[in-house]
Amino acid sequence: GLFKNSGQRTNVGLLNTSGQTLVVNVEIWDDTGTKITAVTWTLPPYSQRQSSLGSIGAGSMSGGTVIITRQSTGGSFRAYTSTVDQKSGDAVYNPGQ
């Protein structure tokens, strides 16, 4: 799940694995199924982007979901989240499904 609280925070990341510009919609949903925020990212060919839930516009949450939808035709990507412990700074990589 996604977290933004005093104990941990989640980053959302995307890697454009193609030679085409990629446009995706990133939606953040809370644990009750309510959409919290949505943003559009444009990634140049073979580039990467990572943002915290806070910078995307999400408030505090414990257990949520991110849905990433490709808006452009063609191209390919890999999505992931990383959950960071707020005290130690240690992160856990969570590959997208």
C-alpha atoms as a PDB file:
ATOM      1  CA  GLY A   1       0.000   0.000   0.000  1.00  0.00           C
ATOM      2  CA  LEU A   2       0.833   3.684  -0.087  1.00  0.00           C
ATOM      3  CA  PHE A   3       1.820   5.588   3.039  1.00  0.00           C
ATOM      4  CA  LYS A   4       2.325   9.217   4.026  1.00  0.00           C
ATOM      5  CA  ASN A   5       2.495   9.544   7.789  1.00  0.00           C
ATOM      6  CA  SER A   6       4.981  10.170  10.587  1.00  0.00           C
ATOM      7  CA  GLY A   7       6.435   6.645  10.275  1.00  0.00           C
ATOM      8  CA  GLN A   8       6.818   6.189   6.545  1.00  0.00           C
ATOM      9  CA  ARG A   9       6.341   7.808   3.169  1.00  0.00           C
ATOM     10  CA  THR A  10       5.875   6.411  -0.319  1.00  0.00           C
ATOM     11  CA  ASN A  11       7.451   7.568  -3.559  1.00  0.00           C
ATOM     12  CA  VAL A  12       5.959   6.695  -6.946  1.00  0.00           C
ATOM     13  CA  GLY A  13       8.370   6.065  -9.805  1.00  0.00           C
ATOM     14  CA  LEU A  14       8.163   5.469 -13.520  1.00  0.00           C
ATOM     15  CA  LEU A  15      10.777   4.471 -16.082  1.00  0.00           C
ATOM     16  CA  ASN A  16      10.134   5.064 -19.780  1.00  0.00           C
ATOM     17  CA  THR A  17      11.750   2.015 -21.396  1.00  0.00           C
ATOM     18  CA  SER A  18      11.035   3.103 -24.961  1.00  0.00           C
ATOM     19  CA  GLY A  19      12.416   5.502 -27.537  1.00  0.00           C
ATOM     20  CA  GLN A  20       9.120   7.413 -27.599  1.00  0.00           C
ATOM     21  CA  THR A  21       7.820  10.213 -25.396  1.00  0.00           C
ATOM     22  CA  LEU A  22       5.429   8.716 -22.864  1.00  0.00           C
ATOM     23  CA  VAL A  23       2.384  10.433 -21.347  1.00  0.00           C
ATOM     24  CA  VAL A  24       0.754   8.737 -18.343  1.00  0.00           C
ATOM     25  CA  ASN A  25      -1.967   9.548 -15.841  1.00  0.00           C
ATOM     26  CA  VAL A  26      -1.020   8.839 -12.200  1.00  0.00           C
ATOM     27  CA  GLU A  27      -3.981   8.403  -9.818  1.00  0.00           C
ATOM     28  CA  ILE A  28      -3.683   8.059  -6.034  1.00  0.00           C
ATOM     29  CA  TRP A  29      -6.537   6.262  -4.219  1.00  0.00           C
ATOM     30  CA  ASP A  30      -6.935   5.887  -0.457  1.00  0.00           C
ATOM     31  CA  ASP A  31      -7.736   2.657   1.370  1.00  0.00           C
ATOM     32  CA  THR A  32     -11.506   3.338   1.176  1.00  0.00           C
ATOM     33  CA  GLY A  33     -11.478   3.529  -2.628  1.00  0.00           C
ATOM     34  CA  THR A  34     -11.668   7.321  -2.866  1.00  0.00           C
ATOM     35  CA  LYS A  35      -9.539   9.039  -5.495  1.00  0.00           C
ATOM     36  CA  ILE A  36      -7.285  11.532  -3.715  1.00  0.00           C
ATOM     37  CA  THR A  37      -5.468  13.143  -6.624  1.00  0.00           C
ATOM     38  CA  ALA A  38      -4.449  12.627 -10.239  1.00  0.00           C
ATOM     39  CA  VAL A  39      -1.569  14.094 -12.225  1.00  0.00           C
ATOM     40  CA  THR A  40      -0.265  13.723 -15.765  1.00  0.00           C
ATOM     41  CA  TRP A  41       3.412  13.009 -16.327  1.00  0.00           C
ATOM     42  CA  THR A  42       5.263  13.345 -19.630  1.00  0.00           C
ATOM     43  CA  LEU A  43       8.512  11.378 -19.802  1.00  0.00           C
ATOM     44  CA  PRO A  44      11.037  11.786 -22.622  1.00  0.00           C
ATOM     45  CA  PRO A  45      12.456   8.598 -24.201  1.00  0.00           C
ATOM     46  CA  TYR A  46      14.489   6.404 -21.819  1.00  0.00           C
ATOM     47  CA  SER A  47      13.929   8.686 -18.828  1.00  0.00           C
ATOM     48  CA  GLN A  48      12.841   8.184 -15.231  1.00  0.00           C
ATOM     49  CA  ARG A  49      10.713  10.168 -12.790  1.00  0.00           C
ATOM     50  CA  GLN A  50      10.060   9.697  -9.089  1.00  0.00           C
ATOM     51  CA  SER A  51       7.873  11.838  -6.821  1.00  0.00           C
ATOM     52  CA  SER A  52       6.658  11.625  -3.242  1.00  0.00           C
ATOM     53  CA  LEU A  53       2.947  11.331  -2.507  1.00  0.00           C
ATOM     54  CA  GLY A  54       3.069  14.812  -0.983  1.00  0.00           C
ATOM     55  CA  SER A  55       4.482  16.386  -4.133  1.00  0.00           C
ATOM     56  CA  ILE A  56       1.733  14.695  -6.161  1.00  0.00           C
ATOM     57  CA  GLY A  57      -0.917  16.234  -3.901  1.00  0.00           C
ATOM     58  CA  ALA A  58      -1.818  13.435  -1.474  1.00  0.00           C
ATOM     59  CA  GLY A  59      -2.325  14.157   2.213  1.00  0.00           C
ATOM     60  CA  SER A  60      -1.752  11.743   5.077  1.00  0.00           C
ATOM     61  CA  MET A  61      -2.669   8.148   4.337  1.00  0.00           C
ATOM     62  CA  SER A  62      -1.978   4.620   5.510  1.00  0.00           C
ATOM     63  CA  GLY A  63      -2.639   2.046   2.836  1.00  0.00           C
ATOM     64  CA  GLY A  64      -3.628   3.282  -0.579  1.00  0.00           C
ATOM     65  CA  THR A  65      -3.206   2.428  -4.238  1.00  0.00           C
ATOM     66  CA  VAL A  66      -1.621   4.054  -7.270  1.00  0.00           C
ATOM     67  CA  ILE A  67      -3.042   3.456 -10.754  1.00  0.00           C
ATOM     68  CA  ILE A  68      -0.917   4.446 -13.741  1.00  0.00           C
ATOM     69  CA  THR A  69      -2.559   4.587 -17.161  1.00  0.00           C
ATOM     70  CA  ARG A  70      -0.710   5.222 -20.409  1.00  0.00           C
ATOM     71  CA  GLN A  71      -2.292   8.097 -22.361  1.00  0.00           C
ATOM     72  CA  SER A  72       0.073   8.128 -25.333  1.00  0.00           C
ATOM     73  CA  THR A  73      -0.015   5.528 -28.072  1.00  0.00           C
ATOM     74  CA  GLY A  74       2.952   3.199 -28.168  1.00  0.00           C
ATOM     75  CA  GLY A  75       5.849   3.216 -25.782  1.00  0.00           C
ATOM     76  CA  SER A  76       6.437   1.090 -22.710  1.00  0.00           C
ATOM     77  CA  PHE A  77       7.205   1.702 -19.047  1.00  0.00           C
ATOM     78  CA  ARG A  78       7.987   0.160 -15.677  1.00  0.00           C
ATOM     79  CA  ALA A  79       6.273   1.501 -12.570  1.00  0.00           C
ATOM     80  CA  TYR A  80       7.244   1.092  -8.923  1.00  0.00           C
ATOM     81  CA  THR A  81       6.828   2.526  -5.471  1.00  0.00           C
ATOM     82  CA  SER A  82       9.389   2.828  -2.722  1.00  0.00           C
ATOM     83  CA  THR A  83       8.321   2.977   0.904  1.00  0.00           C
ATOM     84  CA  VAL A  84      10.777   4.948   3.032  1.00  0.00           C
ATOM     85  CA  ASP A  85      11.130   4.652   6.812  1.00  0.00           C
ATOM     86  CA  GLN A  86      10.987   8.245   8.131  1.00  0.00           C
ATOM     87  CA  LYS A  87      13.454   7.546  10.972  1.00  0.00           C
ATOM     88  CA  SER A  88      16.166   5.437   9.329  1.00  0.00           C
ATOM     89  CA  GLY A  89      15.730   6.569   5.720  1.00  0.00           C
ATOM     90  CA  ASP A  90      15.749   2.925   4.600  1.00  0.00           C
ATOM     91  CA  ALA A  91      13.594   2.228   1.551  1.00  0.00           C
ATOM     92  CA  VAL A  92      11.782  -0.868   0.307  1.00  0.00           C
ATOM     93  CA  TYR A  93      11.330  -1.238  -3.469  1.00  0.00           C
ATOM     94  CA  ASN A  94       7.882  -2.406  -4.591  1.00  0.00           C
ATOM     95  CA  PRO A  95       7.642  -3.305  -8.307  1.00  0.00           C
ATOM     96  CA  GLY A  96       4.439  -2.421 -10.135  1.00  0.00           C
ATOM     97  CA  GLN A  97       1.993  -5.104 -11.204  1.00  0.00           C
END
